[in-house]
Amino acid sequence: GPACGNETGSGTAMQQLNAALIPGFYKSVDSFGILFEANNLALNNGVNHITVFRLSTTGQNDGKQYDVPDYNLDPLPAAIKHWNNTKQRLPLEFHKRTWLELVNEIDQERADWIGHFCTEIAILANAEGYKVALPSWSSGEPEPIDFETPGQIRFLRYCAENKDICAYSIHEYSYLVTSILDQYPFKIGRFKYLFATCDKHNIARPTTLITEWGWTLDNVPEPTQALIDIETV
């Protein structure tokens, strides 16, 4: 999606991709409009556009926590609480072909707990017909060894067994405008550590969604360089 939440031009890009029969990848936080349009194109024209939706704490303005789970609870109670909070705030136009990104940039120091939490909430959501994406690590996280905690291995196995309804989501930013491959594959390309863990433990590689990608939070290169970087990646 466009940088910094600016949707200007996204509809045009979507129409052009659809006309060329090229599936697009669209993620939106709080606002479902662009995803509604992409879903309609997919359902009516047969182009398998991928859509991802996430609720944010600030976007709901109700003081509830949506970006991260309640770490004070055990994984299952935390999953129940977080899933119920999420369901109550989904937009009426939400369509279940959209991947629901349930958390955002969670605490890498709790990798084992998070793996169990992700498994429990995925089971709950999948049972109700929702496709989910978790855990949406920040770029450069977690440490490679943390992919091998029991909770993470459990979640990876669940993802492998439910590839159509449960995806492993990560974020990849360079954090630099001037060097997209800075410290590659530590930031951009971090999915390689995830795949290496799966291969080591004989787990099928999961459906993997890079749900945020780019340079920095609020700055991108000029278009000419940006396109070079995109092609490079």
Protein backbone atom coordinates (compact mmCIF):
# COMPACT_ATOMS: atom_id res chain seq x y z
CA GLY A 1 0.00 0.00 0.00
CA PRO A 2 1.01 3.65 -0.31
CA ALA A 3 3.48 4.98 2.23
CA CYS A 4 2.40 6.58 5.50
CA GLY A 5 -1.30 5.76 5.17
CA ASN A 6 -1.80 7.91 2.08
CA GLU A 7 -4.26 6.11 -0.18
CA THR A 8 -3.97 8.61 -3.05
CA GLY A 9 -3.60 6.72 -6.31
CA SER A 10 -4.19 3.30 -4.82
CA GLY A 11 -7.50 2.81 -6.61
CA THR A 12 -5.90 3.56 -9.96
CA ALA A 13 -3.05 1.16 -9.28
CA MET A 14 -5.52 -1.51 -8.22
CA GLN A 15 -7.58 -1.13 -11.39
CA GLN A 16 -4.45 -1.31 -13.55
CA LEU A 17 -3.23 -4.46 -11.86
CA ASN A 18 -6.66 -6.02 -12.10
CA ALA A 19 -6.93 -5.20 -15.81
CA ALA A 20 -3.58 -6.88 -16.35
CA LEU A 21 -4.78 -9.92 -14.34
CA ILE A 22 -1.99 -9.36 -11.80
CA PRO A 23 -2.96 -10.07 -8.18
CA GLY A 24 -2.21 -7.17 -5.87
CA PHE A 25 -1.36 -7.21 -2.18
CA TYR A 26 -3.33 -4.69 -0.12
CA LYS A 27 -3.16 -4.07 3.61
CA SER A 28 -5.14 -1.49 5.53
CA VAL A 29 -5.32 -0.55 9.21
CA ASP A 30 -8.74 0.45 10.57
CA SER A 31 -10.13 1.61 7.21
CA PHE A 32 -11.66 -1.19 5.15
CA GLY A 33 -12.52 0.80 2.00
CA ILE A 34 -9.57 -0.14 -0.19
CA LEU A 35 -9.92 -3.78 0.86
CA PHE A 36 -13.64 -3.76 0.08
CA GLU A 37 -12.78 -2.64 -3.44
CA ALA A 38 -10.02 -5.22 -3.86
CA ASN A 39 -12.25 -8.00 -2.56
CA ASN A 40 -15.01 -7.05 -5.00
CA LEU A 41 -12.56 -7.16 -7.88
CA ALA A 42 -11.33 -10.56 -6.76
CA LEU A 43 -14.82 -11.97 -6.31
CA ASN A 44 -16.20 -10.54 -9.56
CA ASN A 45 -13.22 -10.81 -11.90
CA GLY A 46 -11.37 -13.83 -10.57
CA VAL A 47 -8.06 -12.08 -9.93
CA ASN A 48 -6.84 -13.33 -6.57
CA HIS A 49 -6.00 -10.02 -4.89
CA ILE A 50 -4.61 -10.57 -1.38
CA THR A 51 -6.13 -8.36 1.31
CA VAL A 52 -5.00 -7.91 4.92
CA PHE A 53 -6.80 -5.96 7.64
CA ARG A 54 -5.70 -4.93 11.12
CA LEU A 55 -7.36 -3.02 13.94
CA SER A 56 -5.24 -0.52 15.86
CA THR A 57 -5.67 0.84 19.36
CA THR A 58 -5.65 4.45 18.24
CA GLY A 59 -7.97 3.80 15.33
CA GLN A 60 -10.75 2.62 17.62
CA ASN A 61 -10.45 5.49 20.13
CA ASP A 62 -11.86 3.35 22.92
CA GLY A 63 -8.78 2.73 25.04
CA LYS A 64 -8.72 -1.01 24.34
CA GLN A 65 -5.51 -2.72 23.34
CA TYR A 66 -5.47 -4.21 19.85
CA ASP A 67 -1.85 -4.04 18.76
CA VAL A 68 -0.61 -6.57 21.31
CA PRO A 69 -2.21 -9.23 23.54
CA ASP A 70 -2.49 -9.10 27.31
CA TYR A 71 0.89 -10.49 28.32
CA ASN A 72 -0.24 -10.78 31.95
CA LEU A 73 -2.46 -13.76 31.11
CA ASP A 74 -1.60 -17.28 30.07
CA PRO A 75 -1.70 -17.78 26.28
CA LEU A 76 -5.19 -19.32 26.07
CA PRO A 77 -7.01 -16.73 28.25
CA ALA A 78 -5.09 -13.99 26.44
CA ALA A 79 -6.19 -15.45 23.11
CA ILE A 80 -9.84 -15.58 24.16
CA LYS A 81 -9.74 -11.98 25.41
CA HIS A 82 -7.96 -10.67 22.34
CA TRP A 83 -10.19 -12.54 19.91
CA ASN A 84 -13.37 -11.29 21.56
CA ASN A 85 -12.09 -7.70 21.53
CA THR A 86 -11.21 -8.02 17.87
CA LYS A 87 -14.53 -9.49 16.76
CA GLN A 88 -16.47 -6.73 18.49
CA ARG A 89 -14.68 -4.04 16.48
CA LEU A 90 -14.58 -5.54 12.98
CA PRO A 91 -16.24 -3.34 10.35
CA LEU A 92 -19.62 -4.51 9.08
CA GLU A 93 -18.25 -4.81 5.55
CA PHE A 94 -15.44 -7.16 6.60
CA HIS A 95 -15.22 -10.14 4.25
CA LYS A 96 -13.72 -13.43 5.38
CA ARG A 97 -11.58 -13.76 2.27
CA THR A 98 -9.43 -11.06 3.89
CA TRP A 99 -6.53 -12.10 6.10
CA LEU A 100 -7.08 -10.69 9.60
CA GLU A 101 -3.79 -9.54 11.12
CA LEU A 102 -4.52 -9.98 14.81
CA VAL A 103 -1.50 -8.37 16.51
CA ASN A 104 1.27 -5.96 15.61
CA GLU A 105 4.98 -5.86 16.42
CA ILE A 106 4.80 -7.91 19.58
CA ASP A 107 7.45 -8.34 22.29
CA GLN A 108 10.35 -10.37 20.93
CA GLU A 109 11.42 -11.20 24.49
CA ARG A 110 8.29 -13.39 24.81
CA ALA A 111 8.75 -15.54 21.71
CA ASP A 112 7.71 -18.79 23.38
CA TRP A 113 4.58 -17.28 24.98
CA ILE A 114 3.69 -15.59 21.72
CA GLY A 115 3.97 -18.85 19.80
CA HIS A 116 1.43 -20.50 22.10
CA PHE A 117 -0.80 -17.41 22.03
CA CYS A 118 -0.73 -17.34 18.22
CA THR A 119 -1.68 -20.99 18.04
CA GLU A 120 -4.57 -20.60 20.47
CA ILE A 121 -6.05 -17.50 18.85
CA ALA A 122 -5.64 -18.97 15.37
CA ILE A 123 -7.58 -22.06 16.46
CA LEU A 124 -10.38 -19.83 17.79
CA ALA A 125 -10.55 -17.61 14.72
CA ASN A 126 -10.19 -20.41 12.19
CA ALA A 127 -13.05 -22.30 13.86
CA GLU A 128 -15.27 -19.30 13.10
CA GLY A 129 -14.22 -19.11 9.47
CA TYR A 130 -11.64 -16.31 9.67
CA LYS A 131 -8.23 -16.41 8.00
CA VAL A 132 -5.54 -14.99 10.27
CA ALA A 133 -1.97 -13.73 10.05
CA LEU A 134 0.40 -13.60 13.04
CA PRO A 135 2.64 -12.63 14.84
CA SER A 136 3.81 -9.65 12.71
CA TRP A 137 7.27 -9.21 14.19
CA SER A 138 9.02 -5.86 13.82
CA SER A 139 11.77 -5.72 11.20
CA GLY A 140 14.90 -7.42 12.51
CA GLU A 141 12.98 -9.49 15.06
CA PRO A 142 12.98 -11.98 16.64
CA GLU A 143 16.46 -13.39 17.12
CA PRO A 144 16.91 -16.45 14.88
CA ILE A 145 17.13 -18.79 17.88
CA ASP A 146 13.74 -17.54 19.09
CA PHE A 147 12.04 -19.15 16.09
CA GLU A 148 12.99 -22.46 17.75
CA THR A 149 11.21 -22.01 21.09
CA PRO A 150 8.55 -24.68 21.76
CA GLY A 151 5.73 -22.17 21.32
CA GLN A 152 7.06 -20.94 18.00
CA ILE A 153 7.61 -24.47 16.72
CA ARG A 154 4.06 -25.31 17.75
CA PHE A 155 2.72 -22.33 15.82
CA LEU A 156 4.86 -23.09 12.77
CA ARG A 157 3.47 -26.62 12.71
CA TYR A 158 -0.07 -25.25 12.98
CA CYS A 159 0.62 -22.84 10.10
CA ALA A 160 2.03 -25.67 8.01
CA GLU A 161 -1.05 -27.77 8.62
CA ASN A 162 -3.47 -24.90 7.90
CA LYS A 163 -1.80 -22.97 5.09
CA ASP A 164 -5.03 -21.65 3.59
CA ILE A 165 -6.34 -20.12 6.81
CA CYS A 166 -3.32 -19.34 9.01
CA ALA A 167 -0.32 -17.36 7.78
CA TYR A 168 2.94 -16.39 9.43
CA SER A 169 3.32 -12.62 9.16
CA ILE A 170 6.45 -10.50 9.51
CA HIS A 171 7.55 -6.95 8.81
CA GLU A 172 10.67 -6.05 6.86
CA TYR A 173 12.08 -2.52 6.81
CA SER A 174 15.59 -1.39 5.97
CA TYR A 175 15.21 1.55 8.40
CA LEU A 176 17.37 3.44 5.92
CA VAL A 177 16.30 5.41 2.88
CA THR A 178 19.78 5.16 1.36
CA SER A 179 20.37 1.39 1.56
CA ILE A 180 17.49 -1.03 1.11
CA LEU A 181 19.73 -4.08 1.65
CA ASP A 182 21.49 -2.76 4.75
CA GLN A 183 22.60 -5.78 6.84
CA TYR A 184 20.73 -8.16 4.51
CA PRO A 185 19.13 -10.55 5.42
CA PHE A 186 18.94 -9.31 9.02
CA LYS A 187 16.16 -6.80 8.21
CA ILE A 188 15.04 -7.09 4.58
CA GLY A 189 15.08 -10.83 3.89
CA ARG A 190 14.48 -11.91 7.47
CA PHE A 191 11.96 -14.47 6.26
CA LYS A 192 15.02 -16.58 5.38
CA TYR A 193 15.62 -17.26 9.09
CA LEU A 194 12.00 -18.37 9.40
CA PHE A 195 12.33 -20.75 6.46
CA ALA A 196 15.65 -22.10 7.76
CA THR A 197 13.97 -22.98 11.05
CA CYS A 198 11.18 -24.80 9.23
CA ASP A 199 13.68 -26.73 7.11
CA LYS A 200 15.75 -27.67 10.17
CA HIS A 201 12.70 -29.06 11.98
CA ASN A 202 11.14 -30.72 8.92
CA ILE A 203 8.17 -28.36 8.97
CA ALA A 204 6.58 -27.29 5.70
CA ARG A 205 7.21 -23.61 5.06
CA PRO A 206 4.08 -21.68 6.00
CA THR A 207 2.09 -19.23 3.97
CA THR A 208 4.18 -16.15 4.74
CA LEU A 209 2.85 -12.61 4.48
CA ILE A 210 5.21 -9.65 4.68
CA THR A 211 2.49 -7.32 5.87
CA GLU A 212 4.69 -4.24 6.19
CA TRP A 213 7.66 -3.49 3.99
CA GLY A 214 9.76 -0.56 2.98
CA TRP A 215 12.40 1.89 4.06
CA THR A 216 11.36 3.93 7.11
CA LEU A 217 8.21 4.90 8.96
CA ASP A 218 7.74 8.26 7.27
CA ASN A 219 10.30 8.64 4.49
CA VAL A 220 10.90 6.92 1.17
CA PRO A 221 13.34 7.50 -1.70
CA GLU A 222 12.45 9.42 -4.82
CA PRO A 223 10.45 7.27 -7.29
CA THR A 224 13.39 6.43 -9.57
CA GLN A 225 15.48 5.02 -6.73
CA ALA A 226 12.44 3.47 -5.05
CA LEU A 227 11.68 1.42 -8.14
CA ILE A 228 15.28 0.26 -8.34
CA ASP A 229 15.12 -0.83 -4.70
CA ILE A 230 11.83 -2.64 -5.24
CA GLU A 231 13.24 -4.54 -8.21
CA THR A 232 16.36 -5.38 -6.19
CA VAL A 233 14.33 -6.86 -3.36
